[in-house]
Amino acid sequence: MLSTELKQVPTRNGFGEGLIEAGTRDRNVIGICADLSESTRMEGFKKAHPEQYYEIGVSEQMLVAMAGGLAACGKIPWIASYAMFNPGRSWEQVRTIMALNETNVKIAGAHAGVSVGPDGATHQAIEDIAIMRVIPHMRVVVPCDAVQTKKATLLLSENWGPSYLRFGREKSPIITTEQTPFELGKAQIFREGSDLAIVACGILVYNALLAADELAHEDGVECRVVNNHTVKPMDEAAILDAARSCGAVVTVEEHQIHGGMGSAVAEVLAAKHPAPIEFVGVNDTFGQSGDPAELIEYYGMGTASIKEAARRAIKRKH
């Protein structure tokens, strides 16, 4: 049974720690921030590597343009802001300067999802996976905890190409360790099962694991839980194996159900192995101010909602 008393650390802390280490390993790694160094956890990098840090103020579109130029000169720029503003406000620059020109720029999209909490709808990026995964050449990564966010930051710094790293503000459970393997583009099975596959990303992987344990206890249903951290390029082999082995799928993400990670999974299944699928996420609405945990429940992304979706998927399977 998964512990409900795990250590909790914001995923953004993992980004901050990873960026400091990446800057130590390679002096070409630079940080550029749009007046949110403390919130995005780029502040530690600023102090550790002041000669590799640039502050440009509230200018998210210029953030991308400047990074594109520096990348063309051989630098490895990480640009950080709230996900709602970068890539949200700077999407055209991301598309044209970053991706069309295939620059080696990395976006750190902080405070994603409704778990931003009191900041409200204007700051709650719940469409960002959709707008980023549709861009050619763009890598999209959504780690499950702070430890994995650090690993993703280091690997993205070392792997060439335009990339988007999505993470949150609020504390969330640590469910991996330093020894847990992590590879970009390679999904992880966090729980074995053959009755249903729950494919999740981000901090809701923990809720998926809780739901799977409760379903085993309450219904005798054994769920495979897949941490689908790399939304693009997705590990199609892992998704197809989960669908073939389990016969039905539930996707879980802190994002709109339209166009997000779940839609990407559905595209794979529709093309190669059709199977019953249910989607857990925000359903065609905006967020609002509130307590992060309460918002997750209100918008149907809590453990109870995942169990309901699982039961619907299993019913359709049979």
C-alpha atoms as a PDB file:
ATOM      1  CA  MET A   1       0.000   0.000   0.000  1.00  0.00           C
ATOM      2  CA  LEU A   2       1.358   3.431  -0.972  1.00  0.00           C
ATOM      3  CA  SER A   3       2.147   5.686   1.977  1.00  0.00           C
ATOM      4  CA  THR A   4      -0.004   8.784   2.420  1.00  0.00           C
ATOM      5  CA  GLU A   5       2.661  10.424   4.592  1.00  0.00           C
ATOM      6  CA  LEU A   6       5.440  10.940   2.060  1.00  0.00           C
ATOM      7  CA  LYS A   7       7.821  13.888   2.149  1.00  0.00           C
ATOM      8  CA  GLN A   8       6.382  16.791   0.161  1.00  0.00           C
ATOM      9  CA  VAL A   9       8.503  19.192  -1.915  1.00  0.00           C
ATOM     10  CA  PRO A  10       7.435  21.533  -4.747  1.00  0.00           C
ATOM     11  CA  THR A  11       8.468  20.281  -8.181  1.00  0.00           C
ATOM     12  CA  ARG A  12       9.850  23.765  -8.879  1.00  0.00           C
ATOM     13  CA  ASN A  13      12.513  23.104  -6.223  1.00  0.00           C
ATOM     14  CA  GLY A  14      13.774  20.215  -8.298  1.00  0.00           C
ATOM     15  CA  PHE A  15      14.128  22.511 -11.287  1.00  0.00           C
ATOM     16  CA  GLY A  16      16.110  25.031  -9.238  1.00  0.00           C
ATOM     17  CA  GLU A  17      18.484  22.386  -7.912  1.00  0.00           C
ATOM     18  CA  GLY A  18      18.926  20.799 -11.313  1.00  0.00           C
ATOM     19  CA  LEU A  19      19.670  24.109 -13.008  1.00  0.00           C
ATOM     20  CA  ILE A  20      22.423  24.964 -10.502  1.00  0.00           C
ATOM     21  CA  GLU A  21      24.059  21.597 -11.136  1.00  0.00           C
ATOM     22  CA  ALA A  22      23.652  21.908 -14.904  1.00  0.00           C
ATOM     23  CA  GLY A  23      25.336  25.327 -14.789  1.00  0.00           C
ATOM     24  CA  THR A  24      28.225  23.858 -12.831  1.00  0.00           C
ATOM     25  CA  ARG A  25      28.668  20.989 -15.280  1.00  0.00           C
ATOM     26  CA  ASP A  26      28.560  23.235 -18.353  1.00  0.00           C
ATOM     27  CA  ARG A  27      29.264  26.976 -18.283  1.00  0.00           C
ATOM     28  CA  ASN A  28      27.301  27.369 -21.504  1.00  0.00           C
ATOM     29  CA  VAL A  29      24.103  26.719 -19.523  1.00  0.00           C
ATOM     30  CA  ILE A  30      22.548  30.108 -18.796  1.00  0.00           C
ATOM     31  CA  GLY A  31      19.407  31.275 -17.047  1.00  0.00           C
ATOM     32  CA  ILE A  32      17.164  34.077 -18.286  1.00  0.00           C
ATOM     33  CA  CYS A  33      14.182  35.121 -16.197  1.00  0.00           C
ATOM     34  CA  ALA A  34      11.205  37.446 -16.596  1.00  0.00           C
ATOM     35  CA  ASP A  35      11.126  38.975 -13.098  1.00  0.00           C
ATOM     36  CA  LEU A  36      10.149  35.745 -11.337  1.00  0.00           C
ATOM     37  CA  SER A  37      13.467  34.289 -10.195  1.00  0.00           C
ATOM     38  CA  GLU A  38      12.229  33.408  -6.695  1.00  0.00           C
ATOM     39  CA  SER A  39       8.923  31.933  -7.830  1.00  0.00           C
ATOM     40  CA  THR A  40      10.478  29.830 -10.597  1.00  0.00           C
ATOM     41  CA  ARG A  41      13.386  28.820  -8.320  1.00  0.00           C
ATOM     42  CA  MET A  42      15.926  30.366 -10.686  1.00  0.00           C
ATOM     43  CA  GLU A  43      17.133  32.541  -7.800  1.00  0.00           C
ATOM     44  CA  GLY A  44      19.578  29.880  -6.602  1.00  0.00           C
ATOM     45  CA  PHE A  45      21.138  29.726 -10.059  1.00  0.00           C
ATOM     46  CA  LYS A  46      21.416  33.513 -10.058  1.00  0.00           C
ATOM     47  CA  LYS A  47      23.412  33.386  -6.809  1.00  0.00           C
ATOM     48  CA  ALA A  48      25.509  30.350  -7.741  1.00  0.00           C
ATOM     49  CA  HIS A  49      26.317  31.467 -11.287  1.00  0.00           C
ATOM     50  CA  PRO A  50      25.811  35.256 -11.524  1.00  0.00           C
ATOM     51  CA  GLU A  51      27.874  35.468 -14.712  1.00  0.00           C
ATOM     52  CA  GLN A  52      25.506  32.975 -16.374  1.00  0.00           C
ATOM     53  CA  TYR A  53      22.266  34.703 -15.360  1.00  0.00           C
ATOM     54  CA  TYR A  54      20.244  37.454 -17.066  1.00  0.00           C
ATOM     55  CA  GLU A  55      17.187  39.296 -15.768  1.00  0.00           C
ATOM     56  CA  ILE A  56      15.104  41.062 -18.406  1.00  0.00           C
ATOM     57  CA  GLY A  57      11.943  42.012 -16.502  1.00  0.00           C
ATOM     58  CA  VAL A  58       8.365  41.309 -17.548  1.00  0.00           C
ATOM     59  CA  SER A  59       9.106  40.706 -21.234  1.00  0.00           C
ATOM     60  CA  GLU A  60       8.214  37.115 -22.003  1.00  0.00           C
ATOM     61  CA  GLN A  61       8.298  37.485 -25.798  1.00  0.00           C
ATOM     62  CA  MET A  62      11.733  39.074 -25.609  1.00  0.00           C
ATOM     63  CA  LEU A  63      12.719  36.238 -23.267  1.00  0.00           C
ATOM     64  CA  VAL A  64      12.350  33.790 -26.148  1.00  0.00           C
ATOM     65  CA  ALA A  65      13.950  36.070 -28.742  1.00  0.00           C
ATOM     66  CA  MET A  66      17.003  36.724 -26.566  1.00  0.00           C
ATOM     67  CA  ALA A  67      17.364  33.018 -25.787  1.00  0.00           C
ATOM     68  CA  GLY A  68      17.182  32.156 -29.482  1.00  0.00           C
ATOM     69  CA  GLY A  69      20.044  34.504 -30.244  1.00  0.00           C
ATOM     70  CA  LEU A  70      22.195  33.184 -27.421  1.00  0.00           C
ATOM     71  CA  ALA A  71      21.477  29.587 -28.459  1.00  0.00           C
ATOM     72  CA  ALA A  72      22.662  30.448 -31.968  1.00  0.00           C
ATOM     73  CA  CYS A  73      25.959  31.503 -30.370  1.00  0.00           C
ATOM     74  CA  GLY A  74      26.402  28.151 -28.639  1.00  0.00           C
ATOM     75  CA  LYS A  75      24.767  28.855 -25.284  1.00  0.00           C
ATOM     76  CA  ILE A  76      22.197  26.571 -23.652  1.00  0.00           C
ATOM     77  CA  PRO A  77      19.512  28.987 -22.402  1.00  0.00           C
ATOM     78  CA  TRP A  78      16.870  28.102 -19.847  1.00  0.00           C
ATOM     79  CA  ILE A  79      14.078  30.688 -19.854  1.00  0.00           C
ATOM     80  CA  ALA A  80      11.729  30.802 -16.881  1.00  0.00           C
ATOM     81  CA  SER A  81       8.363  32.317 -16.077  1.00  0.00           C
ATOM     82  CA  TYR A  82       4.893  31.127 -15.123  1.00  0.00           C
ATOM     83  CA  ALA A  83       3.680  28.661 -17.743  1.00  0.00           C
ATOM     84  CA  MET A  84       0.695  30.898 -18.409  1.00  0.00           C
ATOM     85  CA  PHE A  85       3.061  33.631 -19.609  1.00  0.00           C
ATOM     86  CA  ASN A  86       5.802  31.512 -21.119  1.00  0.00           C
ATOM     87  CA  PRO A  87       4.839  29.678 -23.281  1.00  0.00           C
ATOM     88  CA  GLY A  88       1.335  31.170 -22.936  1.00  0.00           C
ATOM     89  CA  ARG A  89       2.076  34.787 -23.813  1.00  0.00           C
ATOM     90  CA  SER A  90       5.105  34.027 -25.973  1.00  0.00           C
ATOM     91  CA  TRP A  91       3.716  31.158 -28.052  1.00  0.00           C
ATOM     92  CA  GLU A  92       4.317  32.741 -31.456  1.00  0.00           C
ATOM     93  CA  GLN A  93       7.952  33.445 -30.589  1.00  0.00           C
ATOM     94  CA  VAL A  94       8.300  29.913 -29.215  1.00  0.00           C
ATOM     95  CA  ARG A  95       6.920  28.525 -32.461  1.00  0.00           C
ATOM     96  CA  THR A  96       8.961  30.675 -34.841  1.00  0.00           C
ATOM     97  CA  ILE A  97      12.206  31.546 -33.064  1.00  0.00           C
ATOM     98  CA  MET A  98      12.590  28.412 -30.952  1.00  0.00           C
ATOM     99  CA  ALA A  99      11.068  25.570 -32.932  1.00  0.00           C
ATOM    100  CA  LEU A 100      11.019  26.609 -36.582  1.00  0.00           C
ATOM    101  CA  ASN A 101      14.720  27.488 -36.313  1.00  0.00           C
ATOM    102  CA  GLU A 102      15.384  24.407 -34.140  1.00  0.00           C
ATOM    103  CA  THR A 103      17.256  26.345 -31.470  1.00  0.00           C
ATOM    104  CA  ASN A 104      18.622  24.743 -28.315  1.00  0.00           C
ATOM    105  CA  VAL A 105      16.357  26.721 -25.972  1.00  0.00           C
ATOM    106  CA  LYS A 106      14.720  25.189 -22.889  1.00  0.00           C
ATOM    107  CA  ILE A 107      11.514  26.586 -21.373  1.00  0.00           C
ATOM    108  CA  ALA A 108      10.813  26.202 -17.668  1.00  0.00           C
ATOM    109  CA  GLY A 109       7.052  26.584 -17.323  1.00  0.00           C
ATOM    110  CA  ALA A 110       6.380  27.071 -13.614  1.00  0.00           C
ATOM    111  CA  HIS A 111       3.125  27.240 -11.636  1.00  0.00           C
ATOM    112  CA  ALA A 112       1.275  25.032 -14.139  1.00  0.00           C
ATOM    113  CA  GLY A 113      -2.160  23.591 -13.405  1.00  0.00           C
ATOM    114  CA  VAL A 114      -4.957  24.593 -11.040  1.00  0.00           C
ATOM    115  CA  SER A 115      -2.759  23.763  -8.033  1.00  0.00           C
ATOM    116  CA  VAL A 116      -1.336  27.280  -8.318  1.00  0.00           C
ATOM    117  CA  GLY A 117      -4.336  27.869  -6.046  1.00  0.00           C
ATOM    118  CA  PRO A 118      -5.108  31.441  -4.992  1.00  0.00           C
ATOM    119  CA  ASP A 119      -3.549  32.978  -8.125  1.00  0.00           C
ATOM    120  CA  GLY A 120      -6.722  32.045  -9.972  1.00  0.00           C
ATOM    121  CA  ALA A 121      -7.747  31.413 -13.564  1.00  0.00           C
ATOM    122  CA  THR A 122      -5.502  34.030 -15.171  1.00  0.00           C
ATOM    123  CA  HIS A 123      -2.390  32.308 -13.799  1.00  0.00           C
ATOM    124  CA  GLN A 124      -3.494  28.656 -14.031  1.00  0.00           C
ATOM    125  CA  ALA A 125      -1.987  27.158 -17.177  1.00  0.00           C
ATOM    126  CA  ILE A 126      -4.197  24.206 -18.076  1.00  0.00           C
ATOM    127  CA  GLU A 127      -3.803  24.458 -21.858  1.00  0.00           C
ATOM    128  CA  ASP A 128      -0.005  24.526 -22.143  1.00  0.00           C
ATOM    129  CA  ILE A 129       0.623  20.855 -22.924  1.00  0.00           C
ATOM    130  CA  ALA A 130      -1.786  21.163 -25.853  1.00  0.00           C
ATOM    131  CA  ILE A 131      -0.205  24.277 -27.349  1.00  0.00           C
ATOM    132  CA  MET A 132       3.329  22.966 -26.925  1.00  0.00           C
ATOM    133  CA  ARG A 133       2.986  19.378 -28.106  1.00  0.00           C
ATOM    134  CA  VAL A 134       1.507  20.525 -31.409  1.00  0.00           C
ATOM    135  CA  ILE A 135       4.695  22.460 -32.310  1.00  0.00           C
ATOM    136  CA  PRO A 136       7.115  20.501 -34.537  1.00  0.00           C
ATOM    137  CA  HIS A 137      10.515  19.630 -32.999  1.00  0.00           C
ATOM    138  CA  MET A 138       9.298  20.477 -29.466  1.00  0.00           C
ATOM    139  CA  ARG A 139      10.001  18.077 -26.591  1.00  0.00           C
ATOM    140  CA  VAL A 140       7.436  18.199 -23.739  1.00  0.00           C
ATOM    141  CA  VAL A 141       8.281  16.789 -20.298  1.00  0.00           C
ATOM    142  CA  VAL A 142       6.024  16.706 -17.203  1.00  0.00           C
ATOM    143  CA  PRO A 143       7.873  15.093 -14.243  1.00  0.00           C
ATOM    144  CA  CYS A 144       6.016  13.459 -11.363  1.00  0.00           C
ATOM    145  CA  ASP A 145       7.929  14.927  -8.394  1.00  0.00           C
ATOM    146  CA  ALA A 146      10.800  17.210  -7.394  1.00  0.00           C
ATOM    147  CA  VAL A 147      13.441  14.475  -7.656  1.00  0.00           C
ATOM    148  CA  GLN A 148      12.383  13.652 -11.205  1.00  0.00           C
ATOM    149  CA  THR A 149      12.173  17.342 -12.113  1.00  0.00           C
ATOM    150  CA  LYS A 150      15.831  17.744 -11.156  1.00  0.00           C
ATOM    151  CA  LYS A 151      16.783  14.749 -13.304  1.00  0.00           C
ATOM    152  CA  ALA A 152      14.743  16.099 -16.227  1.00  0.00           C
ATOM    153  CA  THR A 153      16.421  19.513 -15.932  1.00  0.00           C
ATOM    154  CA  LEU A 154      19.870  17.937 -16.100  1.00  0.00           C
ATOM    155  CA  LEU A 155      19.025  15.659 -19.020  1.00  0.00           C
ATOM    156  CA  LEU A 156      17.312  18.389 -21.024  1.00  0.00           C
ATOM    157  CA  SER A 157      20.364  20.593 -20.488  1.00  0.00           C
ATOM    158  CA  GLU A 158      22.543  17.863 -21.990  1.00  0.00           C
ATOM    159  CA  ASN A 159      20.221  16.872 -24.859  1.00  0.00           C
ATOM    160  CA  TRP A 160      20.109  19.196 -27.817  1.00  0.00           C
ATOM    161  CA  GLY A 161      16.837  20.666 -29.022  1.00  0.00           C
ATOM    162  CA  PRO A 162      13.887  22.913 -28.135  1.00  0.00           C
ATOM    163  CA  SER A 163      12.218  21.637 -24.976  1.00  0.00           C
ATOM    164  CA  TYR A 164       9.413  22.466 -22.571  1.00  0.00           C
ATOM    165  CA  LEU A 165       9.619  21.398 -18.921  1.00  0.00           C
ATOM    166  CA  ARG A 166       6.338  21.778 -17.024  1.00  0.00           C
ATOM    167  CA  PHE A 167       6.163  21.874 -13.220  1.00  0.00           C
ATOM    168  CA  GLY A 168       4.092  23.238 -10.355  1.00  0.00           C
ATOM    169  CA  ARG A 169       4.144  25.583  -7.415  1.00  0.00           C
ATOM    170  CA  GLU A 170       2.617  23.655  -4.524  1.00  0.00           C
ATOM    171  CA  LYS A 171       4.326  20.991  -2.445  1.00  0.00           C
ATOM    172  CA  SER A 172       3.695  17.485  -3.749  1.00  0.00           C
ATOM    173  CA  PRO A 173       4.716  13.987  -2.585  1.00  0.00           C
ATOM    174  CA  ILE A 174       8.154  12.593  -3.411  1.00  0.00           C
ATOM    175  CA  ILE A 175       7.451   9.197  -4.992  1.00  0.00           C
ATOM    176  CA  THR A 176      10.821   8.508  -6.631  1.00  0.00           C
ATOM    177  CA  THR A 177      14.383   8.363  -5.316  1.00  0.00           C
ATOM    178  CA  GLU A 178      17.801   9.353  -6.600  1.00  0.00           C
ATOM    179  CA  GLN A 179      18.211   5.725  -7.673  1.00  0.00           C
ATOM    180  CA  THR A 180      14.946   5.540  -9.633  1.00  0.00           C
ATOM    181  CA  PRO A 181      15.861   5.232 -13.321  1.00  0.00           C
ATOM    182  CA  PHE A 182      14.813   8.142 -15.513  1.00  0.00           C
ATOM    183  CA  GLU A 183      15.175   8.439 -19.256  1.00  0.00           C
ATOM    184  CA  LEU A 184      13.644  11.058 -21.542  1.00  0.00           C
ATOM    185  CA  GLY A 185      11.050   9.464 -23.796  1.00  0.00           C
ATOM    186  CA  LYS A 186      10.819   6.310 -21.691  1.00  0.00           C
ATOM    187  CA  ALA A 187       7.652   5.856 -19.610  1.00  0.00           C
ATOM    188  CA  GLN A 188       7.877   4.104 -16.246  1.00  0.00           C
ATOM    189  CA  ILE A 189       5.652   1.437 -14.728  1.00  0.00           C
ATOM    190  CA  PHE A 190       5.164   2.431 -11.098  1.00  0.00           C
ATOM    191  CA  ARG A 191       2.625  -0.295 -10.313  1.00  0.00           C
ATOM    192  CA  GLU A 192       1.910  -3.611 -12.015  1.00  0.00           C
ATOM    193  CA  GLY A 193      -1.591  -4.768 -12.898  1.00  0.00           C
ATOM    194  CA  SER A 194      -3.532  -6.382 -15.722  1.00  0.00           C
ATOM    195  CA  ASP A 195      -7.133  -5.216 -15.255  1.00  0.00           C
ATOM    196  CA  LEU A 196      -6.696  -1.551 -16.208  1.00  0.00           C
ATOM    197  CA  ALA A 197      -3.898   0.844 -17.178  1.00  0.00           C
ATOM    198  CA  ILE A 198      -3.801   4.278 -15.556  1.00  0.00           C
ATOM    199  CA  VAL A 199      -1.508   6.545 -17.577  1.00  0.00           C
ATOM    200  CA  ALA A 200      -0.630   9.709 -15.678  1.00  0.00           C
ATOM    201  CA  CYS A 201       1.841  12.586 -15.710  1.00  0.00           C
ATOM    202  CA  GLY A 202       2.962  15.286 -13.295  1.00  0.00           C
ATOM    203  CA  ILE A 203       1.991  15.453  -9.647  1.00  0.00           C
ATOM    204  CA  LEU A 204      -1.210  13.489 -10.296  1.00  0.00           C
ATOM    205  CA  VAL A 205       0.813  10.296 -10.704  1.00  0.00           C
ATOM    206  CA  TYR A 206       0.590  10.100  -6.908  1.00  0.00           C
ATOM    207  CA  ASN A 207      -3.215  10.329  -7.020  1.00  0.00           C
ATOM    208  CA  ALA A 208      -3.210   7.599  -9.662  1.00  0.00           C
ATOM    209  CA  LEU A 209      -1.194   5.328  -7.390  1.00  0.00           C
ATOM    210  CA  LEU A 210      -3.532   6.002  -4.457  1.00  0.00           C
ATOM    211  CA  ALA A 211      -6.559   5.264  -6.629  1.00  0.00           C
ATOM    212  CA  ALA A 212      -4.977   2.019  -7.850  1.00  0.00           C
ATOM    213  CA  ASP A 213      -4.350   0.838  -4.298  1.00  0.00           C
ATOM    214  CA  GLU A 214      -7.907   1.674  -3.266  1.00  0.00           C
ATOM    215  CA  LEU A 215      -9.372  -0.082  -6.327  1.00  0.00           C
ATOM    216  CA  ALA A 216      -7.415  -3.214  -5.435  1.00  0.00           C
ATOM    217  CA  HIS A 217      -8.760  -3.103  -1.884  1.00  0.00           C
ATOM    218  CA  GLU A 218     -12.352  -2.140  -2.726  1.00  0.00           C
ATOM    219  CA  ASP A 219     -12.996  -3.893  -6.068  1.00  0.00           C
ATOM    220  CA  GLY A 220     -10.229  -6.461  -6.389  1.00  0.00           C
ATOM    221  CA  VAL A 221      -9.077  -4.632  -9.526  1.00  0.00           C
ATOM    222  CA  GLU A 222      -5.353  -4.536 -10.203  1.00  0.00           C
ATOM    223  CA  CYS A 223      -4.237  -1.464 -12.119  1.00  0.00           C
ATOM    224  CA  ARG A 224      -0.998  -0.848 -13.940  1.00  0.00           C
ATOM    225  CA  VAL A 225       0.129   2.748 -13.255  1.00  0.00           C
ATOM    226  CA  VAL A 226       2.327   4.318 -15.933  1.00  0.00           C
ATOM    227  CA  ASN A 227       4.276   7.505 -15.287  1.00  0.00           C
ATOM    228  CA  ASN A 228       4.082   9.039 -18.764  1.00  0.00           C
ATOM    229  CA  HIS A 229       6.449  11.915 -18.004  1.00  0.00           C
ATOM    230  CA  THR A 230       7.545  12.555 -21.581  1.00  0.00           C
ATOM    231  CA  VAL A 231       4.402  13.651 -23.382  1.00  0.00           C
ATOM    232  CA  LYS A 232       6.394  14.288 -26.570  1.00  0.00           C
ATOM    233  CA  PRO A 233       8.027  12.216 -27.919  1.00  0.00           C
ATOM    234  CA  MET A 234       5.759   9.739 -26.165  1.00  0.00           C
ATOM    235  CA  ASP A 235       6.798   6.186 -25.385  1.00  0.00           C
ATOM    236  CA  GLU A 236       4.298   4.584 -27.755  1.00  0.00           C
ATOM    237  CA  ALA A 237       5.560   1.077 -27.023  1.00  0.00           C
ATOM    238  CA  ALA A 238       4.757   1.452 -23.311  1.00  0.00           C
ATOM    239  CA  ILE A 239       1.288   2.857 -24.055  1.00  0.00           C
ATOM    240  CA  LEU A 240       0.472   0.093 -26.520  1.00  0.00           C
ATOM    241  CA  ASP A 241       1.741  -2.617 -24.184  1.00  0.00           C
ATOM    242  CA  ALA A 242      -0.403  -1.208 -21.367  1.00  0.00           C
ATOM    243  CA  ALA A 243      -3.493  -1.163 -23.574  1.00  0.00           C
ATOM    244  CA  ARG A 244      -2.905  -4.683 -24.902  1.00  0.00           C
ATOM    245  CA  SER A 245      -2.149  -6.137 -21.481  1.00  0.00           C
ATOM    246  CA  CYS A 246      -4.955  -4.402 -19.584  1.00  0.00           C
ATOM    247  CA  GLY A 247      -7.664  -3.906 -22.198  1.00  0.00           C
ATOM    248  CA  ALA A 248      -8.707  -0.437 -21.041  1.00  0.00           C
ATOM    249  CA  VAL A 249      -6.999   2.857 -20.190  1.00  0.00           C
ATOM    250  CA  VAL A 250      -7.560   5.904 -17.970  1.00  0.00           C
ATOM    251  CA  THR A 251      -5.442   9.009 -18.488  1.00  0.00           C
ATOM    252  CA  VAL A 252      -4.787  11.448 -15.648  1.00  0.00           C
ATOM    253  CA  GLU A 253      -3.338  14.961 -15.958  1.00  0.00           C
ATOM    254  CA  GLU A 254      -3.618  18.408 -14.352  1.00  0.00           C
ATOM    255  CA  HIS A 255      -4.623  19.958 -17.661  1.00  0.00           C
ATOM    256  CA  GLN A 256      -7.587  20.254 -19.991  1.00  0.00           C
ATOM    257  CA  ILE A 257      -8.690  16.832 -21.159  1.00  0.00           C
ATOM    258  CA  HIS A 258      -8.843  18.265 -24.686  1.00  0.00           C
ATOM    259  CA  GLY A 259      -5.514  18.340 -26.463  1.00  0.00           C
ATOM    260  CA  GLY A 260      -3.336  17.275 -23.552  1.00  0.00           C
ATOM    261  CA  MET A 261      -1.439  14.136 -22.595  1.00  0.00           C
ATOM    262  CA  GLY A 262      -4.623  12.051 -22.645  1.00  0.00           C
ATOM    263  CA  SER A 263      -5.408  13.155 -26.182  1.00  0.00           C
ATOM    264  CA  ALA A 264      -1.886  12.148 -27.220  1.00  0.00           C
ATOM    265  CA  VAL A 265      -2.442   8.694 -25.700  1.00  0.00           C
ATOM    266  CA  ALA A 266      -5.797   8.428 -27.493  1.00  0.00           C
ATOM    267  CA  GLU A 267      -4.126   9.274 -30.814  1.00  0.00           C
ATOM    268  CA  VAL A 268      -1.681   6.390 -30.350  1.00  0.00           C
ATOM    269  CA  LEU A 269      -4.440   3.942 -29.441  1.00  0.00           C
ATOM    270  CA  ALA A 270      -6.759   5.067 -32.235  1.00  0.00           C
ATOM    271  CA  ALA A 271      -4.033   4.497 -34.799  1.00  0.00           C
ATOM    272  CA  LYS A 272      -2.533   1.246 -33.514  1.00  0.00           C
ATOM    273  CA  HIS A 273      -4.682  -0.486 -30.867  1.00  0.00           C
ATOM    274  CA  PRO A 274      -8.188   0.881 -30.170  1.00  0.00           C
ATOM    275  CA  ALA A 275      -9.253   0.336 -26.568  1.00  0.00           C
ATOM    276  CA  PRO A 276     -11.779   1.827 -24.132  1.00  0.00           C
ATOM    277  CA  ILE A 277     -10.332   5.035 -22.683  1.00  0.00           C
ATOM    278  CA  GLU A 278     -11.511   7.520 -20.054  1.00  0.00           C
ATOM    279  CA  PHE A 279      -9.975  10.942 -19.398  1.00  0.00           C
ATOM    280  CA  VAL A 280      -9.329  12.589 -16.025  1.00  0.00           C
ATOM    281  CA  GLY A 281      -8.511  16.294 -16.153  1.00  0.00           C
ATOM    282  CA  VAL A 282     -10.141  19.703 -16.357  1.00  0.00           C
ATOM    283  CA  ASN A 283     -13.238  19.459 -18.545  1.00  0.00           C
ATOM    284  CA  ASP A 284     -13.580  22.496 -20.822  1.00  0.00           C
ATOM    285  CA  THR A 285     -13.621  25.163 -18.126  1.00  0.00           C
ATOM    286  CA  PHE A 286     -11.309  27.712 -16.526  1.00  0.00           C
ATOM    287  CA  GLY A 287      -9.883  27.469 -13.028  1.00  0.00           C
ATOM    288  CA  GLN A 288     -10.554  29.724 -10.058  1.00  0.00           C
ATOM    289  CA  SER A 289      -8.913  30.905  -6.856  1.00  0.00           C
ATOM    290  CA  GLY A 290      -8.865  28.421  -4.010  1.00  0.00           C
ATOM    291  CA  ASP A 291      -6.919  25.947  -1.938  1.00  0.00           C
ATOM    292  CA  PRO A 292      -4.781  23.782  -4.274  1.00  0.00           C
ATOM    293  CA  ALA A 293      -5.967  20.455  -2.859  1.00  0.00           C
ATOM    294  CA  GLU A 294      -9.602  21.553  -2.960  1.00  0.00           C
ATOM    295  CA  LEU A 295      -9.247  22.695  -6.577  1.00  0.00           C
ATOM    296  CA  ILE A 296      -7.837  19.325  -7.608  1.00  0.00           C
ATOM    297  CA  GLU A 297     -10.921  17.683  -6.095  1.00  0.00           C
ATOM    298  CA  TYR A 298     -13.376  20.282  -7.429  1.00  0.00           C
ATOM    299  CA  TYR A 299     -12.164  19.878 -10.994  1.00  0.00           C
ATOM    300  CA  GLY A 300     -12.407  16.095 -10.880  1.00  0.00           C
ATOM    301  CA  MET A 301      -8.753  15.114 -10.564  1.00  0.00           C
ATOM    302  CA  GLY A 302      -8.776  13.624  -7.078  1.00  0.00           C
ATOM    303  CA  THR A 303      -8.507   9.978  -6.131  1.00  0.00           C
ATOM    304  CA  ALA A 304     -12.282   9.456  -6.089  1.00  0.00           C
ATOM    305  CA  SER A 305     -12.630  10.823  -9.628  1.00  0.00           C
ATOM    306  CA  ILE A 306      -9.854   8.560 -10.891  1.00  0.00           C
ATOM    307  CA  LYS A 307     -11.608   5.543  -9.356  1.00  0.00           C
ATOM    308  CA  GLU A 308     -14.893   6.519 -11.006  1.00  0.00           C
ATOM    309  CA  ALA A 309     -13.174   6.809 -14.381  1.00  0.00           C
ATOM    310  CA  ALA A 310     -11.491   3.444 -13.820  1.00  0.00           C
ATOM    311  CA  ARG A 311     -14.807   1.745 -13.090  1.00  0.00           C
ATOM    312  CA  ARG A 312     -16.345   3.259 -16.231  1.00  0.00           C
ATOM    313  CA  ALA A 313     -13.427   2.056 -18.340  1.00  0.00           C
ATOM    314  CA  ILE A 314     -13.584  -1.471 -16.903  1.00  0.00           C
ATOM    315  CA  LYS A 315     -17.343  -1.607 -17.494  1.00  0.00           C
ATOM    316  CA  ARG A 316     -16.795  -0.636 -21.118  1.00  0.00           C
ATOM    317  CA  LYS A 317     -14.045  -3.228 -21.417  1.00  0.00           C
ATOM    318  CA  HIS A 318     -16.419  -5.990 -20.360  1.00  0.00           C
END
